[in-house]
Every structure is written in structure tokens, then in C-alpha cells.
Protein backbone atom coordinates (compact mmCIF):
# COMPACT_ATOMS: atom_id res chain seq x y z
CA MET A 1 0.03 0.01 -0.05
CA HIS A 2 1.20 3.35 -0.72
CA ALA A 3 0.80 6.61 1.50
CA SER A 4 1.18 10.28 1.25
CA GLY A 5 0.07 13.79 1.26
CA GLY A 6 -3.41 14.50 -0.38
CA GLN A 7 -2.81 16.93 -2.99
CA VAL A 8 -5.84 16.63 -5.71
CA ILE A 9 -4.68 16.83 -9.51
CA PRO A 10 -7.17 18.45 -11.62
CA LEU A 11 -9.49 16.45 -14.06
CA LYS A 12 -8.39 15.99 -17.57
CA MET A 13 -11.10 15.32 -20.46
CA ARG A 14 -10.95 11.93 -22.28
CA VAL A 15 -12.75 11.78 -25.80
CA ASP A 16 -16.06 10.21 -25.50
CA HIS A 17 -18.11 10.23 -28.86
CA SER A 18 -21.59 9.20 -27.19
CA PRO A 19 -24.15 12.00 -27.46
CA GLY A 20 -24.45 13.67 -24.05
CA SER A 21 -22.06 11.94 -22.43
CA ARG A 22 -18.03 12.92 -21.40
CA TYR A 23 -15.59 11.31 -19.56
CA TYR A 24 -13.01 12.64 -17.22
CA ASP A 25 -9.57 11.07 -16.00
CA LYS A 26 -8.34 12.31 -12.65
CA GLY A 27 -4.79 12.10 -11.62
CA THR A 28 -3.61 9.71 -8.97
CA MET A 29 -4.38 10.93 -5.42
CA GLN A 30 -2.58 9.80 -2.23
CA THR A 31 -3.66 9.56 1.42
CA GLU A 32 -2.27 10.35 4.64
CA GLY A 33 -2.27 9.01 8.31
CA LYS A 34 -4.30 6.01 9.34
CA TYR A 35 -6.06 6.03 5.89
CA ALA A 36 -3.06 4.63 4.10
CA VAL A 37 -4.61 3.00 0.86
CA SER A 38 -3.16 2.82 -2.55
CA LEU A 39 -5.00 5.04 -5.02
CA THR A 40 -5.38 5.00 -8.96
CA GLY A 41 -7.36 7.83 -11.04
CA PRO A 42 -10.95 7.82 -11.32
CA GLU A 43 -12.96 7.72 -14.35
CA ILE A 44 -15.88 10.49 -14.13
CA MET A 45 -18.73 9.87 -16.82
CA ILE A 46 -21.06 12.77 -16.83
CA VAL A 47 -24.16 11.46 -18.53
CA PRO A 48 -27.52 13.57 -19.80
CA ASP A 49 -30.42 11.45 -18.42
CA ALA A 50 -31.42 8.57 -16.56
CA GLU A 51 -31.82 6.09 -19.41
CA VAL A 52 -28.14 6.71 -20.39
CA PHE A 53 -26.93 6.82 -16.78
CA SER A 54 -28.43 3.29 -16.17
CA ALA A 55 -27.40 1.87 -19.57
CA ARG A 56 -23.66 3.02 -18.98
CA ALA A 57 -23.99 1.21 -15.51
CA ALA A 58 -25.29 -1.89 -17.20
CA HIS A 59 -22.67 -2.20 -20.19
CA LEU A 60 -19.82 -1.84 -17.44
CA LEU A 61 -21.31 -4.48 -15.18
CA VAL A 62 -22.00 -6.81 -17.64
CA THR A 63 -18.97 -6.49 -19.54
CA GLN A 64 -16.80 -7.13 -16.22
CA ILE A 65 -18.89 -10.38 -15.58
CA GLU A 66 -18.28 -11.64 -19.03
CA GLY A 67 -14.71 -10.92 -18.35
CA THR A 68 -14.52 -12.51 -15.44
CA VAL A 69 -16.56 -15.89 -16.65
CA GLN A 70 -14.12 -15.86 -19.60
CA ALA A 71 -11.37 -15.89 -17.43
CA GLY A 72 -12.72 -19.05 -15.71
CA THR A 73 -13.48 -17.14 -12.35
CA ARG A 74 -16.55 -16.93 -10.24
CA PRO A 75 -18.46 -13.29 -10.78
CA THR A 76 -19.04 -11.63 -7.30
CA VAL A 77 -21.19 -8.36 -7.57
CA ALA A 78 -21.80 -6.37 -4.13
CA LEU A 79 -24.96 -4.44 -4.83
CA THR A 80 -26.10 -0.94 -3.25
CA GLY A 81 -29.30 0.35 -2.10
CA GLY A 82 -31.14 3.42 -2.39
CA SER A 83 -33.38 4.79 -5.30
CA THR A 84 -30.51 5.84 -7.75
CA PRO A 85 -29.61 2.00 -8.72
CA LYS A 86 -33.38 0.99 -9.46
CA ARG A 87 -33.48 1.41 -13.07
CA LEU A 88 -30.17 -0.26 -13.36
CA TYR A 89 -31.61 -3.30 -11.58
CA HIS A 90 -34.72 -3.03 -13.85
CA LEU A 91 -32.58 -3.09 -17.14
CA LEU A 92 -30.68 -6.21 -15.69
CA ALA A 93 -33.93 -8.15 -15.41
CA HIS A 94 -35.99 -6.69 -17.87
CA ASP A 95 -34.11 -5.63 -21.02
CA ASP A 96 -33.29 -8.52 -23.25
CA ALA A 97 -30.12 -7.62 -24.54
CA VAL A 98 -28.86 -7.10 -21.31
CA ARG A 99 -30.52 -10.06 -19.39
CA ARG A 100 -29.39 -12.59 -22.08
CA ARG A 101 -25.42 -11.66 -21.59
CA ILE A 102 -25.40 -12.36 -17.75
CA PRO A 103 -24.82 -15.91 -16.95
CA TRP A 104 -27.18 -15.92 -14.02
CA ASN A 105 -26.38 -19.61 -12.45
CA GLU A 106 -22.85 -18.16 -12.07
CA VAL A 107 -23.24 -14.82 -10.41
CA HIS A 108 -23.15 -14.66 -6.77
CA PHE A 109 -24.81 -11.45 -5.44
CA PHE A 110 -23.82 -9.60 -2.02
CA TRP A 111 -24.58 -6.25 -0.57
CA GLY A 112 -22.07 -3.56 0.32
CA ASP A 113 -24.19 -2.58 3.73
CA GLU A 114 -27.42 -2.64 4.88
CA ARG A 115 -29.89 -1.21 7.43
CA HIS A 116 -30.47 -2.99 10.70
CA VAL A 117 -34.04 -4.08 9.74
CA PRO A 118 -35.45 -7.35 8.86
CA PRO A 119 -35.58 -8.55 4.86
CA GLU A 120 -39.33 -7.80 4.74
CA HIS A 121 -39.00 -4.29 6.00
CA GLY A 122 -39.44 -1.14 3.48
CA ASP A 123 -35.92 0.25 4.47
CA SER A 124 -34.07 -3.09 3.71
CA ASN A 125 -31.89 -2.98 0.75
CA TYR A 126 -31.99 -6.68 0.08
CA ARG A 127 -35.68 -6.40 -0.29
CA MET A 128 -35.25 -3.44 -2.93
CA ALA A 129 -32.92 -5.67 -5.01
CA ARG A 130 -35.33 -8.63 -4.57
CA GLU A 131 -38.23 -6.50 -5.82
CA ALA A 132 -36.27 -4.61 -8.37
CA PHE A 133 -34.76 -7.33 -10.01
CA LEU A 134 -33.53 -10.57 -8.37
CA SER A 135 -37.03 -12.18 -8.09
CA ALA A 136 -37.13 -11.81 -11.71
CA VAL A 137 -34.13 -13.42 -12.89
CA PRO A 138 -33.10 -16.97 -12.81
CA VAL A 139 -30.61 -16.85 -10.20
CA SER A 140 -30.16 -19.42 -7.55
CA ALA A 141 -31.14 -18.90 -4.04
CA GLN A 142 -27.69 -20.34 -3.19
CA ASN A 143 -25.90 -17.21 -5.24
CA ILE A 144 -27.78 -14.98 -3.22
CA HIS A 145 -25.92 -13.72 0.15
CA ARG A 146 -27.84 -11.33 2.04
CA ILE A 147 -26.98 -9.76 5.42
CA HIS A 148 -28.88 -11.17 7.95
CA ALA A 149 -29.78 -7.75 9.54
CA GLU A 150 -32.85 -8.90 11.32
CA ASN A 151 -30.53 -10.10 14.24
CA THR A 152 -31.13 -7.84 17.05
CA ASP A 153 -27.41 -7.60 17.68
CA ALA A 154 -25.79 -5.63 14.69
CA SER A 155 -22.43 -6.66 15.69
CA ALA A 156 -23.13 -10.11 15.76
CA ALA A 157 -24.91 -10.01 12.03
CA ALA A 158 -21.58 -8.20 10.83
CA THR A 159 -19.57 -11.00 12.34
CA GLU A 160 -21.59 -13.65 10.77
CA TYR A 161 -21.47 -11.93 7.13
CA GLU A 162 -17.61 -11.51 7.76
CA ARG A 163 -17.50 -15.24 8.40
CA GLN A 164 -19.69 -16.05 5.01
CA LEU A 165 -17.43 -13.69 3.03
CA ARG A 166 -14.23 -15.75 4.42
CA THR A 167 -15.73 -19.16 3.68
CA LEU A 168 -17.26 -18.26 0.23
CA PHE A 169 -13.94 -16.51 -0.93
CA GLY A 170 -11.50 -19.02 0.70
CA LEU A 171 -9.83 -16.19 2.56
CA GLU A 172 -6.82 -16.48 5.30
CA GLU A 173 -6.32 -14.21 7.96
CA GLY A 174 -5.47 -10.81 6.86
CA GLN A 175 -6.95 -11.37 3.29
CA PHE A 176 -9.86 -9.35 1.61
CA PRO A 177 -12.15 -10.57 -0.94
CA ARG A 178 -11.85 -9.44 -4.28
CA PHE A 179 -15.18 -8.48 -5.67
CA THR A 180 -15.60 -8.63 -9.49
CA CYS A 181 -17.80 -5.35 -9.32
CA VAL A 182 -18.75 -3.26 -6.41
CA LEU A 183 -21.87 -0.86 -6.59
CA LEU A 184 -21.96 2.33 -4.75
CA GLY A 185 -24.16 5.23 -4.10
CA MET A 186 -23.01 8.49 -2.48
CA GLY A 187 -25.23 10.46 0.04
CA ALA A 188 -25.52 14.40 0.21
CA ASP A 189 -23.22 14.12 3.02
CA GLY A 190 -20.67 12.54 1.15
CA HIS A 191 -21.05 8.85 2.76
CA THR A 192 -20.86 5.84 0.69
CA ALA A 193 -22.20 2.08 1.65
CA SER A 194 -22.86 2.78 5.30
CA LEU A 195 -19.13 4.57 5.72
CA PHE A 196 -21.07 7.80 7.46
CA PRO A 197 -18.74 10.91 8.38
CA GLY A 198 -17.03 10.66 11.53
CA THR A 199 -18.25 7.12 12.40
CA ALA A 200 -15.77 4.73 13.80
CA ALA A 201 -15.65 2.48 10.57
CA LEU A 202 -13.76 4.95 8.53
CA GLY A 203 -10.57 3.69 10.32
CA GLU A 204 -11.15 0.05 10.27
CA GLN A 205 -8.56 -1.84 8.43
CA ARG A 206 -8.77 -5.26 9.26
CA ARG A 207 -12.21 -6.22 9.58
CA LEU A 208 -14.24 -7.28 6.55
CA VAL A 209 -17.81 -6.15 7.81
CA VAL A 210 -18.65 -3.83 10.86
CA ALA A 211 -21.55 -2.79 12.70
CA ASN A 212 -21.44 1.31 12.15
CA TRP A 213 -23.15 3.42 14.92
CA VAL A 214 -24.61 6.32 12.96
CA GLU A 215 -25.20 8.67 15.93
CA GLN A 216 -27.35 11.45 13.32
CA LEU A 217 -29.85 8.37 12.42
CA GLN A 218 -29.47 6.78 15.98
CA THR A 219 -29.09 3.28 14.43
CA TYR A 220 -26.61 0.76 13.35
CA ARG A 221 -25.97 0.09 9.86
CA ILE A 222 -24.04 -2.96 8.78
CA THR A 223 -21.23 -2.14 6.22
CA LEU A 224 -18.26 -3.89 4.17
CA THR A 225 -14.99 -1.92 5.24
CA VAL A 226 -12.92 0.63 3.28
CA PRO A 227 -10.32 -2.48 2.58
CA VAL A 228 -12.84 -4.70 1.11
CA LEU A 229 -14.33 -1.97 -0.95
CA ASN A 230 -10.82 -1.15 -2.38
CA SER A 231 -9.81 -4.71 -2.99
CA ALA A 232 -12.46 -4.66 -5.79
CA GLU A 233 -11.64 -5.41 -9.68
CA LEU A 234 -14.18 -2.70 -10.48
CA VAL A 235 -16.18 -0.03 -8.27
CA ILE A 236 -19.12 1.74 -9.86
CA PHE A 237 -20.39 4.80 -8.05
CA LEU A 238 -23.93 6.15 -9.27
CA VAL A 239 -24.62 9.49 -8.19
CA SER A 240 -27.63 11.49 -9.26
CA GLY A 241 -29.55 14.68 -8.40
CA ARG A 242 -28.73 18.28 -7.50
CA GLU A 243 -28.44 17.59 -3.85
CA LYS A 244 -25.44 15.71 -4.39
CA ALA A 245 -23.50 18.08 -6.36
CA GLU A 246 -21.84 20.03 -3.26
CA ALA A 247 -20.53 16.61 -1.89
CA LEU A 248 -19.65 15.38 -5.21
CA ARG A 249 -17.10 18.35 -5.68
CA ALA A 250 -15.69 18.08 -2.30
CA VAL A 251 -15.03 14.03 -2.89
CA LEU A 252 -13.54 14.57 -6.47
CA GLU A 253 -11.99 18.07 -6.35
CA GLY A 254 -11.79 19.09 -2.71
CA ALA A 255 -9.09 18.63 0.26
CA TRP A 256 -8.43 15.33 1.45
CA GLN A 257 -11.12 15.19 4.13
CA PRO A 258 -12.21 11.48 4.48
CA GLU A 259 -13.72 11.97 7.92
CA ARG A 260 -15.99 14.58 6.55
CA PHE A 261 -16.38 13.08 3.09
CA PRO A 262 -16.05 9.19 3.35
CA ALA A 263 -16.34 8.36 -0.52
CA GLN A 264 -13.05 9.70 -0.61
CA LEU A 265 -11.55 6.75 1.00
CA ILE A 266 -12.79 4.50 -2.08
CA ARG A 267 -9.77 4.26 -4.40
CA PRO A 268 -9.39 0.68 -5.48
CA ALA A 269 -5.62 -0.46 -4.94
CA GLU A 270 -5.50 -2.54 -8.02
CA GLY A 271 -8.72 -2.12 -9.73
CA ARG A 272 -10.99 0.40 -11.92
CA LEU A 273 -12.92 3.16 -10.22
CA VAL A 274 -15.59 4.89 -12.45
CA TRP A 275 -17.89 7.43 -11.39
CA ILE A 276 -21.29 7.95 -13.22
CA VAL A 277 -23.07 10.92 -12.58
CA ASP A 278 -25.76 13.03 -13.86
CA HIS A 279 -25.57 16.54 -14.96
CA ALA A 280 -27.12 17.60 -11.78
CA ALA A 281 -24.90 15.95 -9.58
CA ALA A 282 -22.17 17.28 -11.52
CA SER A 283 -23.16 20.82 -11.92
CA ARG A 284 -20.71 21.97 -9.47
CA LEU A 285 -17.61 20.41 -10.89
CA THR A 286 -14.98 22.62 -12.40
CA CYS A 287 -15.11 20.28 -15.34
CA GLU A 288 -18.80 21.12 -15.92
CA GLY A 289 -18.42 24.96 -15.52
């Protein structure tokens, strides 16, 4: 892992011939202190509307899955919750051109985080994904690995999920799972997964899964840790809405403040990082000015 000071290098434009879309490359960023992680330059894709937004995400995800299968490796995908990925999930299940490219019997689905609620609860990330696409595709129940957040002890639920990950990925002590793809969102406060500003989970470097107490919500959230997210082959951030614009600017162009903007911590050490953002979310970026 590489450590250092946190200078942010300006965005550089890359050519994209798709109507209404633009790509940007960001120079390497580096960390400092307890957040020593290796960083590579993220790709920032600014898209004009929800249809293109979801289509881009689907193409990236499915292409990554196909490459993994061709390499003879089991595809593993960590899903995200919230409203932003719903259109993407709908495409995966109901767009024939997308759906038939996915080897549903081979892909294993996990969750990047979960609310501390039962699976039938309206706030459950698992329930959202199940209703949005998992119930409509031919994926085996054995390939769906949810967080058992109905456990009244959130720490026990986190420990159980970590044990499940260690078993399924065949991990030894000190190793982290390497997901084929991790889908993430970002809140208006700069949080991602359930890594909220100022919370204890931000500095966790050994555990795979933790129960993270979120004071402003007065609840625990169960979340994958930063080292797990940064071990992925591909991380896709999905960010939409003008209410995210200030946080997005701070994360991508601002000073290194991971305690305030936890999404800054997500920089895969040996993987690809792609931000797909709509015009509203990108409205405060200098490259949009």
C-alpha cells in the first residue's frame, strides 16, 4: 500500500463520442495517516439522463462479469441500495439484450451494506434488490448472500456476514475478498455504503464487515469496510441529483477530508474506479463550469 500527502490533481478530459456524455480522468491521489490506501485515477462519466445513466452502468457491470467468466473465475457482485440503482436493476432483469448476456447461474450477489432491519422491511436494501430484479431473473437462491440484519445484535450480524465472506472467498487471516464489481451510491453528506462522516468504521483496516453506529440516524448500519471495497476489480459509483452536487465536488475536487467525506476513501488499489453521474450531480464540478 502506498501512503502520502493528499494533493488533488485537476481533471483531464478524455474523448467520448457518445451524445451528451463526457469522460474525465483524474490524476492519482494519495492518502495520509491511518487511511493509507493505494489510489488510482478514477474515471468520471457525466451523462445527460436516467436512461443513459443506467445503460452505462449496465454495460460496465455486464462487461466485467463476462470478462470474469471468460477468465474462468466466479463473478461476485456487491449491490447497493437507495433509489439511484433501481433503473439499473430494472434493466438487468427486463432488457433482453442485457439480461441474456448475464450467466445468472454463475453470478453470486452480495450487499455492500444493510440497514439494521428485517429483510421484509421497507428500508431493507436486500428487499429493494429482490423486488427490483432478483425475483425476476433465474438466479439460484444459493447465489444470493444477504446480510442477516434481522438479528437484533448488529455486531453479531456483521460477524456472521464476515464469516460467510471468508468461507465463500476462501480467505486466510489478513486477506480481503476481491469482488468482481462493487456498486456504490453516495449521499448528500458524502457517505457511501454505510460509511458515514465521523463514524468509527472509517478507520477500520482489519475487519471485513462491521456494525457502524450512525449517531445522526440513531441506529447501527452493517457495512463492508474500506479495505474490502478497495480490493474490488471494479467499483462503480452511481450518483444523481442536484442535492449531491456539493458533496461530489468536495469528494472529487476538494481537499483530503475523509472523516467529513468518506467517499474519498474509495480508491481501489489494483482495480478500476468509475463515477457515473448525471448533469445535476456534476453541476458544481469545475469541469462542468
